[in-house]
Protein backbone atom coordinates (compact mmCIF):
# COMPACT_ATOMS: atom_id res chain seq x y z
CA MET A 1 0.00 0.00 0.00
CA ASN A 2 1.44 3.35 -0.99
CA ASP A 3 1.49 6.44 1.23
CA LYS A 4 -1.58 7.90 -0.46
CA ASP A 5 -3.70 4.83 0.29
CA LYS A 6 -2.27 4.57 3.81
CA PHE A 7 -3.16 8.20 4.53
CA ALA A 8 -6.74 7.71 3.20
CA SER A 9 -7.18 4.54 5.31
CA MET A 10 -5.93 6.25 8.47
CA TYR A 11 -8.17 9.21 7.83
CA GLN A 12 -11.22 6.91 7.64
CA ASN A 13 -10.12 5.13 10.83
CA LEU A 14 -9.73 8.52 12.51
CA LEU A 15 -13.30 9.47 11.61
CA LEU A 16 -14.63 6.19 12.96
CA SER A 17 -12.62 6.47 16.17
CA ALA A 18 -13.87 10.00 16.75
CA ARG A 19 -17.56 9.03 16.71
CA PRO A 20 -19.33 9.58 20.03
CA SER A 21 -20.34 5.90 20.15
CA SER A 22 -16.70 4.84 19.86
CA ASN A 23 -14.66 7.63 21.53
CA ASN A 24 -11.47 5.55 21.32
CA LYS A 25 -8.80 8.06 22.36
CA GLU A 26 -5.92 5.65 21.84
CA ALA A 27 -7.03 4.93 18.28
CA ILE A 28 -7.44 8.64 17.57
CA LYS A 29 -3.92 9.36 18.83
CA ARG A 30 -2.41 6.42 16.89
CA ASN A 31 -4.02 7.47 13.58
CA LEU A 32 -3.05 11.16 14.01
CA HIS A 33 0.59 10.27 14.67
CA ALA A 34 0.68 8.00 11.64
CA MET A 35 -0.81 10.75 9.42
CA GLN A 36 1.70 13.32 10.75
CA THR A 37 4.56 10.94 9.96
CA ILE A 38 3.43 10.65 6.34
CA ILE A 39 3.03 14.46 6.10
CA ARG A 40 6.58 15.06 7.44
CA LYS A 41 8.00 12.47 5.06
CA HIS A 42 6.39 14.08 2.03
CA ARG A 43 7.35 17.59 3.20
CA GLN A 44 10.98 16.52 3.43
CA GLN A 45 10.76 15.03 -0.05
CA LEU A 46 9.19 18.23 -1.36
CA ASN A 47 11.90 20.37 0.24
CA ARG A 48 14.62 18.12 -1.20
CA PHE A 49 12.99 18.30 -4.62
CA ALA A 50 12.61 22.10 -4.40
CA ARG A 51 16.17 22.55 -3.15
CA GLU A 52 17.60 20.47 -6.00
CA ARG A 53 15.72 22.63 -8.52
CA GLY A 54 16.31 25.95 -6.71
CA GLN A 55 12.63 26.44 -5.81
CA MET A 56 12.60 25.71 -2.08
CA LEU A 57 11.94 29.27 -0.90
CA ARG A 58 9.17 29.80 -3.43
CA ASP A 59 7.44 26.55 -2.49
CA GLN A 60 7.78 27.28 1.24
CA PHE A 61 6.25 30.69 0.65
CA VAL A 62 3.27 29.05 -1.14
CA LEU A 63 2.75 26.55 1.72
CA ASP A 64 3.33 28.96 4.63
CA PRO A 65 4.93 32.43 4.22
CA LYS A 66 5.78 32.55 7.94
CA GLU A 67 8.22 29.67 7.44
CA VAL A 68 10.37 31.84 5.18
CA ASN A 69 12.90 33.61 7.40
CA LEU A 70 16.16 35.50 6.95
CA SER A 71 18.47 32.54 7.60
CA ARG A 72 16.73 30.51 4.88
CA ILE A 73 16.84 33.42 2.45
CA LYS A 74 20.59 33.82 3.09
CA ARG A 75 21.10 30.15 2.14
CA GLY A 76 18.87 30.40 -0.93
CA LYS A 77 20.13 30.11 -4.48
CA THR A 78 20.01 33.08 -6.84
CA GLY A 79 17.22 31.63 -9.00
CA ASP A 80 15.19 30.65 -5.93
CA ILE A 81 15.45 34.17 -4.48
CA ALA A 82 14.43 35.68 -7.81
CA ALA A 83 11.36 33.39 -7.93
CA LEU A 84 10.50 34.23 -4.30
CA THR A 85 10.85 37.95 -4.97
CA LYS A 86 8.57 37.76 -8.01
CA LEU A 87 5.90 35.87 -6.06
CA ALA A 88 6.19 38.18 -3.01
CA GLN A 89 5.75 41.21 -5.27
CA LYS A 90 2.63 39.63 -6.75
CA LYS A 91 1.26 38.93 -3.26
CA GLU A 92 2.43 42.40 -2.02
CA ASP A 93 4.24 40.77 0.92
CA THR A 94 6.47 43.61 2.14
CA ARG A 95 8.04 41.51 4.91
CA ILE A 96 9.54 39.04 2.44
CA LEU A 97 10.68 41.80 0.10
CA ARG A 98 12.47 43.62 2.93
CA LEU A 99 14.13 40.40 4.10
CA VAL A 100 15.39 39.80 0.55
CA ASN A 101 16.81 43.35 0.41
CA LEU A 102 18.52 42.94 3.79
CA ARG A 103 19.94 39.44 3.21
CA PHE A 104 23.49 40.76 2.80
CA SER A 105 23.27 43.27 5.67
CA ASP A 106 25.83 42.87 8.44
CA PRO A 107 25.49 45.18 11.47
CA SER A 108 29.18 44.65 12.31
CA LYS A 109 30.09 46.34 9.01
CA ALA A 110 27.66 49.25 9.28
CA THR A 111 28.89 52.68 8.14
CA LYS A 112 28.12 56.03 9.72
CA PHE A 113 25.11 58.15 8.85
CA GLY A 114 25.80 60.96 6.40
CA SER A 115 23.56 63.48 8.17
CA VAL A 116 21.18 64.03 11.05
CA GLY A 117 18.30 63.85 8.59
CA GLU A 118 19.40 60.39 7.45
CA LEU A 119 19.56 59.22 11.07
CA ILE A 120 16.02 60.45 11.73
CA SER A 121 14.57 58.88 8.57
CA SER A 122 16.34 55.55 9.30
CA TRP A 123 15.14 55.28 12.90
CA VAL A 124 13.66 51.90 13.88
CA LYS A 125 11.79 51.33 17.12
CA GLU A 126 13.16 48.69 19.50
CA PRO A 127 10.96 45.57 19.10
CA GLU A 128 9.33 44.13 22.21
CA ALA A 129 11.46 41.51 23.97
CA SER A 130 8.76 38.88 23.46
CA SER A 131 8.29 39.77 19.80
CA ASP A 132 9.35 37.36 17.04
CA ASP A 133 9.70 40.25 14.57
CA GLU A 134 12.89 39.09 12.87
CA LEU A 135 12.83 41.92 10.31
CA GLY A 136 12.30 44.62 12.92
CA ARG A 137 15.12 43.28 15.09
CA LEU A 138 17.54 43.16 12.17
CA GLN A 139 16.67 46.72 11.11
CA ARG A 140 17.05 47.92 14.70
CA ASN A 141 20.46 46.24 15.01
CA ILE A 142 21.60 47.92 11.78
CA PHE A 143 20.33 51.30 13.02
CA VAL A 144 22.14 50.92 16.37
CA ALA A 145 25.35 49.89 14.59
CA LYS A 146 25.18 52.95 12.32
CA VAL A 147 24.58 55.21 15.35
CA ARG A 148 27.66 53.68 17.00
CA ALA A 149 29.73 54.28 13.84
CA THR A 150 28.50 57.89 13.69
CA ALA A 151 29.42 58.57 17.32
CA SER A 152 32.80 56.90 16.76
CA TYR A 153 33.55 59.26 13.84
CA LEU A 154 32.77 62.36 15.93
CA ARG A 155 34.84 60.91 18.79
CA SER A 156 37.79 60.58 16.40
CA VAL A 157 38.07 64.36 15.87
CA ILE A 158 37.93 65.18 19.60
CA LYS A 159 41.02 65.88 21.67
CA SER A 160 41.46 66.24 25.41
CA THR A 161 40.28 69.62 26.63
CA GLU A 162 40.50 71.69 29.77
CA LYS A 163 37.24 73.47 28.98
CA SER A 164 33.87 72.60 30.45
CA LEU A 165 31.10 72.51 27.89
CA LEU A 166 27.42 73.35 28.24
CA ILE A 167 25.45 72.05 25.26
CA ALA A 168 21.84 73.20 24.87
CA SER A 169 19.03 72.78 22.35
CA PHE A 170 15.84 74.73 23.00
CA ASP A 171 13.94 74.57 19.71
CA ASN A 172 11.26 71.96 19.11
CA SER A 173 13.53 70.75 16.32
CA GLN A 174 14.40 67.07 15.98
CA SER A 175 17.45 67.99 13.89
CA ASN A 176 18.92 70.29 16.56
CA HIS A 177 18.02 67.93 19.42
CA ILE A 178 19.66 64.95 17.68
CA ALA A 179 22.74 66.99 16.72
CA SER A 180 23.18 68.22 20.30
CA ALA A 181 22.85 64.67 21.66
CA LEU A 182 25.41 63.32 19.15
CA VAL A 183 27.98 65.99 19.98
CA SER A 184 27.39 65.61 23.74
CA PHE A 185 27.87 61.86 23.63
CA ALA A 186 31.01 62.25 21.53
CA PHE A 187 32.46 64.60 24.15
CA SER A 188 31.31 62.44 27.09
CA GLY A 189 34.02 59.81 26.61
CA ALA A 190 31.47 57.01 27.25
CA LEU A 191 32.37 53.55 25.98
CA LEU A 192 31.14 52.48 22.54
CA GLY A 193 31.69 48.72 22.45
CA ASP A 194 28.86 46.23 21.94
CA ASP A 195 29.77 44.50 25.19
CA GLY A 196 30.29 47.71 27.16
CA THR A 197 34.05 47.77 26.61
CA SER A 198 36.29 49.75 24.31
CA SER A 199 39.69 48.98 22.86
CA ALA A 200 40.63 52.65 23.12
CA GLU A 201 41.61 54.36 26.33
CA PRO A 202 38.80 56.58 27.72
CA MET A 203 39.55 60.24 27.04
CA GLU A 204 39.59 62.77 29.85
CA TYR A 205 37.28 65.75 29.67
CA LYS A 206 36.04 68.33 32.02
CA GLU A 207 32.35 68.56 32.75
CA ILE A 208 29.98 68.04 29.81
CA ARG A 209 26.34 69.00 30.40
CA LEU A 210 23.42 68.62 28.00
CA LEU A 211 20.12 70.49 28.18
CA ILE A 212 17.34 69.69 25.72
CA GLY A 213 14.19 71.75 26.01
CA GLY A 214 15.43 73.08 29.35
CA VAL A 215 15.82 69.58 30.84
CA SER A 216 19.13 67.93 31.76
CA LYS A 217 19.75 64.75 29.74
CA ASP A 218 22.01 61.79 30.50
CA VAL A 219 24.49 60.64 27.82
CA SER A 220 26.99 59.01 30.18
CA SER A 221 26.58 55.60 28.52
CA PHE A 222 25.75 54.34 25.04
CA ASP A 223 22.47 52.85 26.30
CA SER A 224 21.32 56.15 27.83
CA PHE A 225 22.35 57.99 24.66
CA LEU A 226 20.41 55.52 22.50
CA SER A 227 17.35 55.89 24.74
CA LEU A 228 17.58 59.65 24.33
CA LEU A 229 17.64 59.30 20.52
CA ASP A 230 14.55 57.08 20.70
CA GLU A 231 12.83 59.65 22.89
CA ILE A 232 13.58 62.51 20.49
CA VAL A 233 12.74 60.76 17.22
CA SER A 234 9.56 59.14 18.57
CA GLY A 235 8.31 62.56 19.71
CA SER A 236 8.07 61.66 23.40
CA SER A 237 10.68 64.28 24.32
CA LYS A 238 8.94 67.56 25.13
CA ASN A 239 10.24 71.02 25.97
CA GLU A 240 9.72 71.62 29.66
CA VAL A 241 10.87 75.22 29.81
CA ASP A 242 8.39 78.00 30.53
CA ALA A 243 7.01 78.28 27.00
CA PRO A 244 5.50 81.80 27.20
CA SER A 245 8.79 83.24 28.46
CA PHE A 246 11.33 81.10 26.72
CA MET A 247 9.88 80.02 23.40
CA ASN A 248 8.03 81.40 20.43
CA ASP A 249 6.36 78.96 18.06
CA SER A 250 8.96 76.23 18.68
CA ILE A 251 11.98 78.54 18.17
CA ALA A 252 14.20 79.59 21.06
CA THR A 253 14.12 83.33 21.74
CA THR A 254 16.91 85.63 22.89
CA LYS A 255 15.26 85.73 26.33
CA ALA A 256 15.53 81.96 26.60
CA VAL A 257 19.23 82.08 25.79
CA LEU A 258 19.94 84.96 28.20
CA ASN A 259 18.15 83.04 30.96
CA LEU A 260 20.23 79.98 30.12
CA ILE A 261 23.46 82.00 30.32
CA ASP A 262 22.44 83.59 33.61
CA ARG A 263 21.31 80.37 35.30
CA HIS A 264 23.59 77.67 33.93
CA LEU A 265 26.78 79.00 32.28
CA LYS A 266 29.78 78.83 34.62
CA ASN A 267 33.02 80.80 34.50
CA SER A 268 35.48 79.70 31.76
CA GLU A 269 32.78 77.50 30.22
CA VAL A 270 31.80 77.34 26.55
CA LEU A 271 28.12 77.39 25.57
CA LEU A 272 27.37 75.39 22.44
CA LEU A 273 23.83 76.36 21.49
CA PHE A 274 21.84 74.46 18.87
CA SER A 275 19.09 76.75 17.61
CA SER A 276 17.38 77.83 14.41
CA GLY A 277 16.70 81.25 15.91
CA ASP A 278 19.02 84.14 15.01
CA ILE A 279 19.83 84.89 18.64
CA THR A 280 20.76 88.47 19.55
CA ILE A 281 23.37 88.86 22.32
CA PRO A 282 23.51 92.41 23.80
CA SER A 283 26.97 93.95 24.08
CA ASP A 284 26.90 94.14 27.90
CA VAL A 285 26.21 90.41 28.10
CA MET A 286 29.05 89.67 25.67
CA GLU A 287 31.43 91.87 27.69
CA ASP A 288 30.45 90.02 30.87
CA LEU A 289 31.02 86.65 29.16
CA THR A 290 34.41 87.81 27.91
CA ALA A 291 35.39 88.88 31.43
CA LYS A 292 34.42 85.42 32.74
CA GLY A 293 36.41 83.63 30.04
CA CYS A 294 33.27 82.23 28.45
CA GLY A 295 32.44 81.80 24.79
CA VAL A 296 29.24 81.19 22.83
CA HIS A 297 29.02 79.17 19.62
CA CYS A 298 25.64 78.85 17.90
CA HIS A 299 25.01 75.99 15.50
CA ASP A 300 21.90 75.54 13.39
CA GLY A 301 21.46 71.86 12.58
CA ASP A 302 18.19 72.52 10.81
CA ILE A 303 18.40 71.85 7.09
CA ILE A 304 16.43 74.99 6.17
CA GLY A 305 19.08 77.33 7.55
CA ASP A 306 21.73 75.34 5.71
CA ARG A 307 19.80 75.63 2.43
CA LEU A 308 19.32 79.39 2.80
CA GLN A 309 23.02 79.88 3.33
CA ARG A 310 23.81 77.60 0.38
CA GLU A 311 21.62 79.67 -1.98
CA GLY A 312 22.80 83.04 -0.64
CA ALA A 313 19.28 84.04 0.45
CA LYS A 314 18.87 87.49 1.94
CA LYS A 315 17.16 88.31 5.22
CA GLY A 316 14.75 91.24 5.44
CA ASP A 317 12.63 92.96 8.04
CA ILE A 318 10.18 90.15 7.21
CA THR A 319 11.58 86.91 5.75
CA ILE A 320 9.33 84.14 4.42
CA THR A 321 10.97 80.83 3.54
CA LEU A 322 9.60 77.68 1.89
CA ALA A 323 11.38 74.30 2.04
CA TRP A 324 10.47 70.81 0.83
CA ASP A 325 12.30 67.54 0.11
CA THR A 326 11.48 66.45 -3.45
CA TYR A 327 12.38 67.41 -7.04
CA ASP A 328 8.86 68.76 -7.61
CA ASP A 329 8.41 72.43 -8.45
CA LEU A 330 6.69 74.03 -5.47
CA ASP A 331 6.36 77.81 -5.59
CA LEU A 332 6.15 80.48 -2.91
CA HIS A 333 3.52 83.20 -3.48
CA VAL A 334 3.29 86.25 -1.21
CA HIS A 335 0.48 88.81 -1.46
CA THR A 336 1.68 92.13 0.03
CA PRO A 337 -0.39 94.88 1.74
CA SER A 338 -0.45 96.92 -1.48
CA GLY A 339 -2.08 94.02 -3.31
CA LYS A 340 1.12 93.12 -5.16
CA HIS A 341 1.52 89.42 -5.91
CA ILE A 342 5.16 88.35 -5.50
CA TYR A 343 6.01 85.03 -7.21
CA TYR A 344 8.32 83.56 -9.87
CA GLY A 345 6.59 85.60 -12.59
CA ASP A 346 6.89 88.95 -10.78
CA ARG A 347 9.74 88.85 -8.30
CA VAL A 348 10.06 92.47 -7.13
CA SER A 349 7.39 94.88 -5.89
CA ASP A 350 7.05 98.34 -7.43
CA ASP A 351 8.55 99.99 -4.33
CA GLU A 352 11.37 97.38 -4.34
CA LEU A 353 10.65 96.52 -0.72
CA CYS A 354 9.46 92.94 -1.38
CA THR A 355 11.62 90.51 -3.36
CA LEU A 356 11.65 86.81 -4.26
CA ASP A 357 15.41 86.16 -4.37
CA VAL A 358 15.49 82.33 -4.47
CA ASP A 359 13.33 80.15 -6.77
CA MET A 360 14.21 76.47 -7.27
CA ASN A 361 13.28 73.37 -9.30
CA ALA A 362 11.66 75.35 -12.11
CA GLY A 363 11.75 73.51 -15.42
CA GLY A 364 12.79 70.12 -14.08
CA LYS A 365 14.88 68.27 -11.49
CA GLN A 366 17.48 70.46 -9.82
CA SER A 367 17.65 69.68 -6.11
CA LYS A 368 16.08 67.31 -3.61
CA GLU A 369 16.77 69.89 -0.90
CA PRO A 370 15.12 72.99 -2.42
CA VAL A 371 14.25 76.27 -0.76
CA GLU A 372 12.52 79.49 -1.86
CA ASN A 373 12.77 82.85 -0.14
CA VAL A 374 10.94 86.20 -0.07
CA PHE A 375 12.23 89.12 1.99
CA ALA A 376 10.48 92.43 2.68
CA GLY A 377 12.26 95.53 3.95
CA ASP A 378 16.01 95.99 4.29
CA LEU A 379 17.83 95.33 7.57
CA ASP A 380 21.11 96.83 6.32
CA LYS A 381 19.42 100.10 5.35
CA LYS A 382 17.06 99.94 8.35
CA LYS A 383 13.97 99.98 6.13
CA GLU A 384 10.82 98.38 7.50
CA ALA A 385 8.66 96.06 5.43
CA PRO A 386 5.37 97.61 4.21
CA HIS A 387 2.73 97.67 6.95
CA GLY A 388 -0.53 95.79 6.53
CA ARG A 389 -1.80 92.31 5.78
CA TYR A 390 0.29 89.57 4.13
CA LYS A 391 -0.98 86.30 2.67
CA VAL A 392 1.34 83.36 1.97
CA VAL A 393 0.26 80.75 -0.59
CA ILE A 394 2.11 77.58 -1.62
CA GLN A 395 1.49 75.99 -5.02
CA ASN A 396 2.80 72.89 -6.78
CA TYR A 397 3.50 74.17 -10.27
CA ALA A 398 4.41 70.72 -11.59
CA TYR A 399 5.41 67.22 -10.51
CA HIS A 400 9.04 66.39 -11.30
CA GLY A 401 9.47 62.92 -9.87
CA SER A 402 6.63 62.31 -7.44
CA ARG A 403 3.59 60.38 -8.59
CA ASN A 404 0.90 62.59 -10.11
CA GLY A 405 -1.76 63.40 -7.55
CA SER A 406 0.44 62.56 -4.57
CA ALA A 407 0.76 64.93 -1.59
CA ILE A 408 4.02 66.92 -1.29
CA PRO A 409 4.82 67.99 2.31
CA PHE A 410 6.46 71.38 2.91
CA ARG A 411 7.51 73.77 5.69
CA VAL A 412 7.22 77.55 5.80
CA ILE A 413 9.03 79.84 8.25
CA VAL A 414 7.94 83.45 8.78
CA ASP A 415 10.67 85.50 10.49
CA LYS A 416 9.73 88.96 11.78
CA ASN A 417 10.62 91.08 14.80
CA GLY A 418 13.25 88.58 15.87
CA GLU A 419 10.69 85.78 16.13
CA LYS A 420 10.04 82.81 13.88
CA GLU A 421 6.80 80.97 13.22
CA THR A 422 6.88 77.54 11.59
CA PHE A 423 4.01 76.16 9.50
CA THR A 424 3.66 72.76 7.83
CA GLY A 425 1.33 71.64 5.06
CA GLU A 426 1.14 69.68 1.81
CA CYS A 427 0.18 70.35 -1.78
CA THR A 428 -1.90 67.81 -3.71
CA GLY A 429 -2.29 68.07 -7.47
CA SER A 430 -0.73 70.80 -9.57
CA GLY A 431 -1.47 74.34 -10.69
CA GLU A 432 -4.01 76.55 -8.94
CA SER A 433 -5.98 73.53 -7.69
CA SER A 434 -3.02 72.69 -5.43
CA ASN A 435 -2.91 76.14 -3.79
CA VAL A 436 -2.61 76.13 0.00
CA VAL A 437 -3.05 79.36 1.99
CA ILE A 438 -0.56 78.51 4.72
CA THR A 439 -0.84 81.74 6.75
CA GLU A 440 -2.10 85.32 6.79
CA PHE A 441 -0.77 87.95 9.20
CA ASP A 442 -0.81 91.69 9.92
CA TYR A 443 2.42 93.63 10.25
CA ASN A 444 2.42 96.98 12.06
CA GLY A 445 6.14 97.68 12.15
CA ARG A 446 9.11 96.63 14.22
CA THR A 447 8.64 96.10 17.93
CA ILE A 448 12.38 95.68 18.48
CA PRO A 449 15.23 97.95 17.33
CA PHE A 450 17.16 97.25 14.16
CA PRO A 451 20.46 95.44 14.87
CA ILE A 452 23.27 97.87 15.67
CA SER A 453 26.62 97.37 14.00
CA GLU A 454 28.79 96.22 16.91
CA GLU A 455 26.74 96.95 20.02
CA GLU A 456 24.26 94.16 19.40
CA ARG A 457 24.88 91.34 16.97
CA THR A 458 22.99 88.20 16.06
CA ALA A 459 24.70 84.84 16.24
CA PHE A 460 24.29 83.97 12.56
CA GLY A 461 24.66 87.54 11.30
CA THR A 462 27.97 88.27 13.04
CA SER A 463 31.21 88.19 11.10
CA ASN A 464 33.80 89.87 13.32
CA MET A 465 32.64 89.06 16.87
CA VAL A 466 35.36 86.96 18.51
CA ASN A 467 33.57 85.35 21.47
CA LEU A 468 30.35 84.79 19.49
CA THR A 469 30.77 82.43 16.56
CA ALA A 470 28.27 80.46 14.50
CA SER A 471 27.96 77.59 12.04
CA THR A 472 25.24 75.69 10.21
CA GLY A 473 24.62 72.25 8.75
CA GLN A 474 23.17 68.86 9.64
CA THR A 475 25.63 66.70 7.71
CA LEU A 476 28.12 64.64 9.69
CA ASP A 477 30.95 66.64 8.11
CA SER A 478 29.32 69.83 9.44
CA LEU A 479 29.19 68.40 12.97
CA GLY A 480 32.78 67.24 12.65
CA GLN A 481 33.85 70.74 11.62
CA LEU A 482 31.83 72.12 14.55
CA VAL A 483 33.82 69.96 16.97
CA GLU A 484 37.10 71.00 15.33
CA THR A 485 36.06 74.66 15.59
CA LEU A 486 35.67 74.39 19.36
CA PHE A 487 39.18 72.99 19.68
CA ARG A 488 40.63 75.55 17.28
CA LEU A 489 39.25 78.38 19.42
CA GLU A 490 40.56 76.76 22.61
CA HIS A 491 44.00 76.26 21.02
CA LEU A 492 44.12 79.95 20.05
CA ASP A 493 43.26 80.95 23.62
CA GLN A 494 46.09 78.78 24.93
CA THR A 495 48.52 80.19 22.34
CA ARG A 496 47.45 83.75 23.18
CA GLN A 497 48.07 83.04 26.87
CA LEU A 498 51.57 81.70 26.18
CA VAL A 499 52.47 84.64 23.92
CA ASN A 500 51.26 87.20 26.42
CA ASP A 501 53.03 85.45 29.32
CA ASN A 502 56.27 85.53 27.32
CA GLU A 503 55.87 89.22 26.51
CA THR A 504 55.15 89.99 30.17
CA GLY A 505 58.29 88.16 31.28
CA GLU A 506 60.49 89.99 28.79
CA GLU A 507 59.16 93.42 29.60
CA GLU A 508 58.87 92.74 33.36
CA MET A 509 55.46 94.34 33.41
CA ASP A 510 52.71 93.75 35.98
CA VAL A 511 49.75 92.81 33.83
CA GLY A 512 46.32 93.05 35.45
CA GLU A 513 43.92 90.14 35.62
CA GLY A 514 42.05 89.43 32.39
CA SER A 515 44.58 91.09 30.08
CA THR A 516 45.00 87.86 28.10
CA ARG A 517 41.38 87.14 27.47
CA ARG A 518 39.97 87.29 23.98
CA PRO A 519 38.65 90.66 22.83
CA LEU A 520 34.93 91.22 22.24
CA VAL A 521 35.41 92.41 18.64
CA ALA A 522 38.27 91.58 16.27
CA GLU A 523 40.88 94.30 16.76
CA HIS A 524 42.60 96.23 14.00
CA GLY A 525 46.08 94.89 13.48
CA ARG A 526 45.22 91.41 14.78
CA LEU A 527 43.52 88.54 12.98
CA GLU A 528 41.22 87.09 15.63
CA VAL A 529 39.27 84.01 14.53
CA THR A 530 35.64 84.88 13.85
CA SER A 531 32.85 83.06 11.98
CA ARG A 532 34.10 84.64 8.75
CA ASP A 533 37.66 83.47 9.34
CA LEU A 534 36.56 79.94 10.25
CA LEU A 535 34.90 79.74 6.83
CA HIS A 536 38.05 81.02 5.12
CA ILE A 537 40.21 78.46 6.93
CA ASN A 538 37.92 75.58 5.93
CA LEU A 539 37.92 76.74 2.28
CA ALA A 540 41.67 77.16 2.28
CA LYS A 541 42.26 73.61 3.52
CA LEU A 542 40.45 72.01 0.57
CA PRO A 543 42.83 70.12 -1.78
CA GLN A 544 44.54 72.19 -4.49
CA THR A 545 42.97 70.02 -7.21
CA PHE A 546 39.53 70.94 -5.89
CA HIS A 547 40.37 74.66 -6.09
CA GLU A 548 41.54 74.21 -9.68
CA MET A 549 38.42 72.24 -10.68
CA VAL A 550 36.14 74.93 -9.25
CA GLY A 551 38.06 77.58 -11.18
CA LYS A 552 37.65 75.66 -14.45
CA GLU A 553 33.92 75.13 -13.88
CA PHE A 554 33.44 78.88 -13.56
CA GLY A 555 35.23 79.60 -16.81
CA GLY A 556 38.75 80.08 -15.60
CA GLY A 557 39.76 83.19 -13.68
CA PRO A 558 41.02 83.01 -10.09
CA THR A 559 40.83 79.68 -8.27
CA LEU A 560 38.91 79.34 -5.01
CA ALA A 561 42.22 79.52 -3.13
CA GLU A 562 43.23 82.71 -4.99
CA GLU A 563 39.83 84.31 -4.32
CA CYS A 564 40.11 83.43 -0.63
CA ALA A 565 43.62 84.92 -0.51
CA ARG A 566 42.43 88.08 -2.33
CA GLN A 567 39.62 88.68 0.19
CA MET A 568 42.02 88.14 3.08
CA SER A 569 44.56 90.52 1.55
CA VAL A 570 42.01 93.33 1.17
CA ARG A 571 41.01 93.02 4.80
CA MET A 572 44.60 92.75 6.08
CA ILE A 573 45.76 95.81 4.15
CA ALA A 574 42.76 97.84 5.33
CA GLU A 575 43.22 96.82 8.97
CA LYS A 576 47.05 96.76 8.92
CA ILE A 577 47.30 93.07 9.89
CA PRO A 578 50.72 91.44 9.35
CA VAL A 579 51.00 88.21 7.33
CA SER A 580 52.36 86.42 10.41
CA GLU A 581 48.83 86.51 11.89
CA LEU A 582 47.65 84.08 9.19
CA LYS A 583 50.12 81.43 10.32
CA ARG A 584 49.17 81.99 13.96
CA ASN A 585 45.54 81.31 13.15
CA GLY A 586 46.08 78.06 11.29
CA TYR A 587 45.97 79.07 7.61
CA PRO A 588 47.76 76.63 5.23
CA ASP A 589 51.15 77.57 3.81
CA ASN A 590 49.84 77.93 0.23
CA ILE A 591 47.29 80.56 1.31
CA VAL A 592 49.90 82.44 3.38
CA LYS A 593 52.17 82.49 0.32
CA LEU A 594 49.40 83.76 -1.97
CA VAL A 595 48.40 86.50 0.48
CA ASN A 596 52.02 87.57 0.82
CA GLN A 597 52.36 87.85 -2.97
CA ILE A 598 49.13 89.83 -3.36
CA MET A 599 50.03 92.24 -0.54
CA ALA A 600 53.53 92.73 -1.98
CA THR A 601 52.04 93.52 -5.41
CA ALA A 602 49.60 96.00 -3.85
CA CYS A 603 52.50 97.84 -2.31
C-alpha cells in the first residue's frame, strides 16, 4: 500500500474512532501520529525536490509564508530568491521583500550616517522583547550599529580639553536635538563597544552638560544615549521650559538664551547652542562673558538654515521661507499689503521693498533639498517692510518625480521682529488647484530695534565678533567641523596666553587680571578668529585640485584659493594686519604664500 492509500485509510479510521459511540482516544492518537509521519516524510521530499531545482523558498512561501525567514533566504540560491521575490511582489508581501533586500546586511560592518536627517529617517523602534519580529530586530540592530559608527567618527576628531562645555538645544527641532545629543555623547568619553568595553583608552574631559528643552539629559553611557535618541525621534521628548517666556512657536528666543546664560553657564565654560533662531546677544552680556572667560558658539542643525546659506538668500525685516524635500516644483507666493503678488513671474514689488530672491526646481529636477525665499524691507538700510496684511500661498507648479496626484509635504518659516513661526502643510495636485493658503498675518512695524553694528549682533549675522561664533549644517561633516572649531578656538586661547606670558616676562610688566582674554570684537592689526575666518580656513584647507576644478567650472579666472587669498589681503591691508597673523591662526602655507604675494604687489 502506498502512502496515499495509507493516509486515506488512516483518515477513515480517525473518523470512525472520533464518533461519540466509539470515543477511542488511543485509536485517535495512533491514527493522528501516523498521518503526521506521512506528512513530514512528504514535506521533506518536497523540500529536497525544491532545493535540487532551486525552488525551495518559493514553495515554502506558497505553503506557509511565515516559514520563510532571513536565515533561509541567506542560504537560498540566486534563482530561488528571484522566484521568491517575483511571487512576493505579486502577493504584495512587504516583509519578504524587505528580508530579501537585507539578506546581505551585516550590522558589524555598518557605516556612519551621512547626516542628522538620514539618522532620523532611518530610525527603527526597539521591538518588544517577546516579539518574534525578525525583520524589525535586524533593522534595529543595523540602526544601532550605524549610530555607533557615527558617534565613533565624531569621537575621532575630539582631543582632550580643559574646557567645560554646556550644550543646549531649546527649539522643538528634531534635527537640533539629535545633533546636540550626538555631539554631547562624543564629548562624554562614554564607551562604545557592543559588550560595554572599548579597545581605546577613555579620554579625559572636564564637565559636559546637555540640556534639551530646558531639561538635563544623560548621555553618560551608550544605552542612555540611545534611549535619548529614541525619545527625540519618537516625539516623546517635550520642551519643559516655561514656554511663554522662553519660546516662540517652537523657536528659542533671545530671552531663553539669556536666561540659560544667567542660570547655567559657569566661569570659563563654553556654551554650544543648537538653535534655528538668530539669537541676539547684547553687548553688555558679551562683555560680561568675555570677562568670565566664556564663549558662545551657535550651530543651526536645521536643514532649512543650511539651504538658505547655500543659496545666498537674503534676510529682510520680514523673511518668508519655503522648504520641501522632493524634485517637484513648489512655488512660494506672497500677497503684500499693497495688493502686489510676489512670485516667480513677478519677483520684485514696485517699491522694491518685497523681493523673491530664491526660486528652485523650475523647469525640471534640480535639487532634492530645495528652498525658496521672499524678503520684505532691508535690515542693512534699516527699512521696514510695508505695513498691513500679508498672505502666503504655496502651489505645486508641476510634478518632477513624485507620482501625479500625490501629496508633497512642505515647511514655511515666517521670520519677523526677531521671532520665527513655523508652519507645515502639503500640496496635492498641480497648478491653482493645489494652492494652499498657509498663513495670513498683519504687520504693524518693528517692535524691536534694528540690529546695531557692533553693540548688538545676532549669532548667525555676526562676522567679526570673537567670542560669538556660529555655524550651520546637519551633515556629519558639518558636525565634525563644529567639533574641530571648538578645539581651534581653545587652542588659540592657549597660544594667546603663552604669547602674552612671554611678553610679560620679557618686559617685566605687571599685567592686570584678564589682560590675556579674547577681545569682544576683532581688533585692528590682529587677525582674531571669527565666523568669517573659520569659513576662510575651511575653504583654504580644501585640496589644491579641488580649487583648480572649481576655477575651471566657472570659466577660468582666479581659483577658489586665490579668491580666498584676495579677500584676506584686502582686509589685512585695510586693517594693517601682518601676514604672520595668518600662520598663527592656522591658515595653510599655500594661502599664506598667496596673500604675501598679493600684498607685496599691492605695495
